[in-house]
Amino acid sequence: MTVQTKSLSDLQTQATMLNGLAEATAAIANDVQTVNSKASNGLYALLEVLVQKSDELARDLERLELEGRK
């Protein structure tokens, strides 16, 4: 089995895409009417954390990539 090595730039691009997908999912969830429930409250909390963490990951990878160019 061959493992394909990805560059830091590739990983940063993937993290940015992941963040975009998370933000889009959160926007869709905000547009959908839901009833107040533990599930809907949990979904909003989960999406908020997913957006935050995916943004942090993308920014951290971008910072590493920029530092590697110095």
N, C-alpha and C. Protein backbone atom coordinates (compact mmCIF):
# COMPACT_ATOMS: atom_id res chain seq x y z
N MET A 1 0.84 -1.18 0.00
CA MET A 1 0.00 0.00 0.00
C MET A 1 0.89 1.24 0.00
N THR A 2 0.64 2.13 -0.93
CA THR A 2 1.43 3.35 -1.06
C THR A 2 0.70 4.51 -0.40
N VAL A 3 1.44 5.24 0.42
CA VAL A 3 0.88 6.43 1.07
C VAL A 3 1.34 7.65 0.31
N GLN A 4 0.38 8.44 -0.13
CA GLN A 4 0.72 9.65 -0.88
C GLN A 4 1.02 10.76 0.11
N THR A 5 2.18 11.38 -0.04
CA THR A 5 2.58 12.48 0.82
C THR A 5 1.99 13.77 0.27
N LYS A 6 1.38 14.53 1.16
CA LYS A 6 0.80 15.81 0.77
C LYS A 6 1.69 16.94 1.28
N SER A 7 1.74 18.00 0.52
CA SER A 7 2.52 19.16 0.93
C SER A 7 1.74 19.96 1.97
N LEU A 8 2.43 20.81 2.66
CA LEU A 8 1.79 21.70 3.62
C LEU A 8 0.76 22.59 2.93
N SER A 9 1.06 23.01 1.74
CA SER A 9 0.14 23.83 0.97
C SER A 9 -1.14 23.05 0.65
N ASP A 10 -1.00 21.77 0.29
CA ASP A 10 -2.16 20.93 0.02
C ASP A 10 -3.03 20.79 1.27
N LEU A 11 -2.39 20.58 2.41
CA LEU A 11 -3.13 20.43 3.66
C LEU A 11 -3.84 21.73 4.03
N GLN A 12 -3.19 22.85 3.80
CA GLN A 12 -3.80 24.14 4.10
C GLN A 12 -5.01 24.37 3.20
N THR A 13 -4.91 24.00 1.94
CA THR A 13 -6.03 24.13 1.02
C THR A 13 -7.20 23.25 1.45
N GLN A 14 -6.90 22.03 1.86
CA GLN A 14 -7.95 21.13 2.33
C GLN A 14 -8.61 21.65 3.60
N ALA A 15 -7.82 22.22 4.50
CA ALA A 15 -8.38 22.78 5.73
C ALA A 15 -9.28 23.98 5.42
N THR A 16 -8.89 24.78 4.45
CA THR A 16 -9.71 25.92 4.04
C THR A 16 -11.02 25.44 3.43
N MET A 17 -10.96 24.40 2.63
CA MET A 17 -12.18 23.81 2.05
C MET A 17 -13.07 23.25 3.15
N LEU A 18 -12.49 22.57 4.11
CA LEU A 18 -13.25 22.02 5.24
C LEU A 18 -13.95 23.14 5.99
N ASN A 19 -13.25 24.25 6.21
CA ASN A 19 -13.85 25.38 6.90
C ASN A 19 -15.00 25.97 6.08
N GLY A 20 -14.82 26.06 4.78
CA GLY A 20 -15.90 26.56 3.92
C GLY A 20 -17.13 25.66 3.97
N LEU A 21 -16.91 24.35 3.97
CA LEU A 21 -18.03 23.41 4.08
C LEU A 21 -18.73 23.53 5.43
N ALA A 22 -17.94 23.71 6.48
CA ALA A 22 -18.51 23.87 7.82
C ALA A 22 -19.34 25.15 7.90
N GLU A 23 -18.82 26.24 7.34
CA GLU A 23 -19.55 27.51 7.35
C GLU A 23 -20.83 27.41 6.54
N ALA A 24 -20.79 26.73 5.39
CA ALA A 24 -21.98 26.55 4.56
C ALA A 24 -23.02 25.71 5.29
N THR A 25 -22.58 24.65 5.96
CA THR A 25 -23.50 23.81 6.71
C THR A 25 -24.16 24.60 7.84
N ALA A 26 -23.37 25.42 8.52
CA ALA A 26 -23.93 26.26 9.60
C ALA A 26 -24.94 27.25 9.03
N ALA A 27 -24.65 27.83 7.87
CA ALA A 27 -25.58 28.78 7.25
C ALA A 27 -26.88 28.09 6.86
N ILE A 28 -26.77 26.90 6.30
CA ILE A 28 -27.97 26.14 5.94
C ILE A 28 -28.78 25.80 7.19
N ALA A 29 -28.11 25.37 8.24
CA ALA A 29 -28.79 25.03 9.49
C ALA A 29 -29.51 26.24 10.07
N ASN A 30 -28.91 27.42 9.92
CA ASN A 30 -29.55 28.65 10.42
C ASN A 30 -30.80 29.01 9.62
N ASP A 31 -30.82 28.62 8.34
CA ASP A 31 -31.96 28.94 7.48
C ASP A 31 -33.12 27.95 7.64
N VAL A 32 -32.84 26.79 8.19
CA VAL A 32 -33.87 25.76 8.34
C VAL A 32 -34.59 25.97 9.67
N GLN A 33 -35.90 25.92 9.61
CA GLN A 33 -36.67 26.08 10.84
C GLN A 33 -36.61 24.78 11.65
N THR A 34 -36.31 24.92 12.92
CA THR A 34 -36.27 23.76 13.80
C THR A 34 -37.06 24.07 15.05
N VAL A 35 -37.43 23.03 15.74
CA VAL A 35 -38.08 23.21 17.03
C VAL A 35 -36.99 23.23 18.09
N ASN A 36 -37.29 23.87 19.20
CA ASN A 36 -36.34 23.88 20.31
C ASN A 36 -36.25 22.47 20.89
N SER A 37 -35.08 21.91 20.83
CA SER A 37 -34.86 20.58 21.38
C SER A 37 -33.39 20.43 21.69
N LYS A 38 -33.08 19.39 22.44
CA LYS A 38 -31.67 19.12 22.73
C LYS A 38 -30.90 18.85 21.45
N ALA A 39 -31.54 18.15 20.51
CA ALA A 39 -30.87 17.83 19.25
C ALA A 39 -30.56 19.08 18.44
N SER A 40 -31.54 19.97 18.29
CA SER A 40 -31.29 21.18 17.49
C SER A 40 -30.30 22.10 18.20
N ASN A 41 -30.42 22.22 19.51
CA ASN A 41 -29.45 23.03 20.25
C ASN A 41 -28.05 22.44 20.12
N GLY A 42 -27.96 21.12 20.20
CA GLY A 42 -26.66 20.45 20.06
C GLY A 42 -26.08 20.64 18.67
N LEU A 43 -26.94 20.61 17.66
CA LEU A 43 -26.47 20.80 16.29
C LEU A 43 -25.84 22.17 16.12
N TYR A 44 -26.49 23.21 16.62
CA TYR A 44 -25.94 24.56 16.50
C TYR A 44 -24.61 24.69 17.25
N ALA A 45 -24.54 24.09 18.43
CA ALA A 45 -23.29 24.14 19.19
C ALA A 45 -22.19 23.37 18.46
N LEU A 46 -22.53 22.20 17.93
CA LEU A 46 -21.55 21.40 17.20
C LEU A 46 -21.03 22.15 15.98
N LEU A 47 -21.93 22.75 15.23
CA LEU A 47 -21.51 23.48 14.03
C LEU A 47 -20.66 24.70 14.38
N GLU A 48 -20.99 25.38 15.46
CA GLU A 48 -20.20 26.53 15.87
C GLU A 48 -18.76 26.12 16.19
N VAL A 49 -18.61 25.01 16.91
CA VAL A 49 -17.27 24.53 17.26
C VAL A 49 -16.55 24.03 16.01
N LEU A 50 -17.26 23.34 15.11
CA LEU A 50 -16.66 22.86 13.88
C LEU A 50 -16.12 24.00 13.04
N VAL A 51 -16.90 25.06 12.90
CA VAL A 51 -16.45 26.23 12.14
C VAL A 51 -15.22 26.85 12.80
N GLN A 52 -15.27 27.01 14.11
CA GLN A 52 -14.16 27.63 14.84
C GLN A 52 -12.89 26.79 14.71
N LYS A 53 -12.99 25.50 14.94
CA LYS A 53 -11.80 24.63 14.91
C LYS A 53 -11.24 24.48 13.50
N SER A 54 -12.11 24.40 12.50
CA SER A 54 -11.62 24.28 11.13
C SER A 54 -10.94 25.57 10.68
N ASP A 55 -11.44 26.71 11.15
CA ASP A 55 -10.79 27.99 10.86
C ASP A 55 -9.43 28.07 11.53
N GLU A 56 -9.35 27.65 12.78
CA GLU A 56 -8.07 27.64 13.50
C GLU A 56 -7.06 26.75 12.79
N LEU A 57 -7.51 25.57 12.36
CA LEU A 57 -6.62 24.64 11.65
C LEU A 57 -6.09 25.26 10.36
N ALA A 58 -6.99 25.85 9.58
CA ALA A 58 -6.57 26.48 8.32
C ALA A 58 -5.58 27.61 8.57
N ARG A 59 -5.84 28.43 9.59
CA ARG A 59 -4.93 29.54 9.90
C ARG A 59 -3.57 29.04 10.40
N ASP A 60 -3.59 27.99 11.24
CA ASP A 60 -2.33 27.42 11.75
C ASP A 60 -1.50 26.84 10.61
N LEU A 61 -2.15 26.13 9.70
CA LEU A 61 -1.42 25.56 8.57
C LEU A 61 -0.89 26.66 7.65
N GLU A 62 -1.66 27.71 7.46
CA GLU A 62 -1.19 28.83 6.65
C GLU A 62 0.03 29.48 7.30
N ARG A 63 -0.02 29.65 8.62
CA ARG A 63 1.11 30.23 9.34
C ARG A 63 2.36 29.36 9.18
N LEU A 64 2.19 28.04 9.29
CA LEU A 64 3.34 27.14 9.11
C LEU A 64 3.90 27.23 7.70
N GLU A 65 3.01 27.32 6.73
CA GLU A 65 3.45 27.42 5.35
C GLU A 65 4.24 28.71 5.12
N LEU A 66 3.73 29.82 5.67
CA LEU A 66 4.43 31.10 5.52
C LEU A 66 5.78 31.09 6.22
N GLU A 67 5.84 30.49 7.41
CA GLU A 67 7.10 30.39 8.13
C GLU A 67 8.11 29.53 7.39
N GLY A 68 7.61 28.52 6.71
CA GLY A 68 8.49 27.65 5.93
C GLY A 68 9.10 28.33 4.72
N ARG A 69 8.49 29.40 4.28
CA ARG A 69 9.00 30.13 3.11
C ARG A 69 10.11 31.11 3.49
N LYS A 70 10.26 31.39 4.79
CA LYS A 70 11.27 32.36 5.23
C LYS A 70 12.65 31.80 5.12
